């Protein structure tokens, strides 16, 4: 199999919204994304969200383990 590199300049469109806000949310916070969308003042603002895992229960021992890593 012969693989040759492709050379071209990427073309980016304007994307959604004139202004973009990125949010990193905990996986168990369900209302935050909806709240941000409801607070926006116009359709020129777009929100992008990423979720990170969150355990069901947070204990002092869990924080000690995370801090050690």
Protein backbone atom coordinates (compact mmCIF):
# COMPACT_ATOMS: atom_id res chain seq x y z
CA UNK A 1 0.00 0.00 0.00
CA UNK A 2 1.40 3.35 -1.03
CA UNK A 3 0.20 6.30 1.07
CA UNK A 4 0.95 9.74 -0.24
CA UNK A 5 0.48 12.92 1.78
CA UNK A 6 -2.25 15.25 0.68
CA UNK A 7 -1.29 18.88 0.46
CA UNK A 8 -4.01 21.46 0.52
CA UNK A 9 -4.84 24.51 2.56
CA UNK A 10 -7.78 23.94 4.89
CA UNK A 11 -10.80 26.17 4.39
CA UNK A 12 -12.76 27.19 7.48
CA UNK A 13 -16.27 28.51 7.23
CA UNK A 14 -17.63 31.24 9.47
CA UNK A 15 -19.26 28.64 11.73
CA UNK A 16 -22.30 29.19 13.89
CA UNK A 17 -22.57 32.51 15.67
CA UNK A 18 -20.42 35.60 15.51
CA UNK A 19 -19.27 34.98 19.11
CA UNK A 20 -18.42 31.56 20.53
CA UNK A 21 -18.26 30.43 24.14
CA UNK A 22 -16.85 27.08 25.18
CA UNK A 23 -17.96 25.41 28.40
CA UNK A 24 -16.38 22.50 30.25
CA UNK A 25 -19.14 20.96 32.35
CA UNK A 26 -19.31 18.22 34.91
CA UNK A 27 -21.24 15.22 33.64
CA UNK A 28 -23.89 15.48 36.36
CA UNK A 29 -24.77 19.16 35.83
CA UNK A 30 -27.68 18.86 33.45
CA UNK A 31 -29.14 22.36 33.57
CA UNK A 32 -26.00 24.45 33.02
CA UNK A 33 -25.91 24.11 29.24
CA UNK A 34 -29.60 24.94 28.91
CA UNK A 35 -29.20 27.94 31.27
CA UNK A 36 -26.41 29.42 29.13
CA UNK A 37 -28.47 29.00 25.96
CA UNK A 38 -31.47 30.69 27.61
CA UNK A 39 -29.30 33.62 28.81
CA UNK A 40 -27.84 34.48 25.41
CA UNK A 41 -28.91 37.83 24.09
CA UNK A 42 -28.92 36.96 20.39
CA UNK A 43 -28.42 34.20 17.85
CA UNK A 44 -24.93 35.60 17.21
CA UNK A 45 -23.73 33.78 20.35
CA UNK A 46 -23.01 30.06 20.03
CA UNK A 47 -22.19 27.71 22.92
CA UNK A 48 -20.05 24.60 22.68
CA UNK A 49 -19.95 22.17 25.58
CA UNK A 50 -17.68 19.34 26.63
CA UNK A 51 -18.47 17.12 29.58
CA UNK A 52 -16.02 15.55 32.00
CA UNK A 53 -16.83 12.53 34.17
CA UNK A 54 -17.81 13.14 37.76
CA UNK A 55 -18.28 10.40 40.36
CA UNK A 56 -21.63 10.14 42.11
CA UNK A 57 -20.12 10.82 45.51
CA UNK A 58 -17.21 13.10 46.41
CA UNK A 59 -15.36 12.25 49.61
CA UNK A 60 -12.23 13.68 51.26
CA UNK A 61 -10.45 10.43 50.40
CA UNK A 62 -11.27 10.88 46.70
CA UNK A 63 -9.80 14.40 46.77
CA UNK A 64 -6.62 13.08 48.39
CA UNK A 65 -6.26 10.47 45.65
CA UNK A 66 -6.83 13.03 42.90
CA UNK A 67 -4.41 15.50 44.45
CA UNK A 68 -1.72 12.80 44.66
CA UNK A 69 -2.03 12.14 40.93
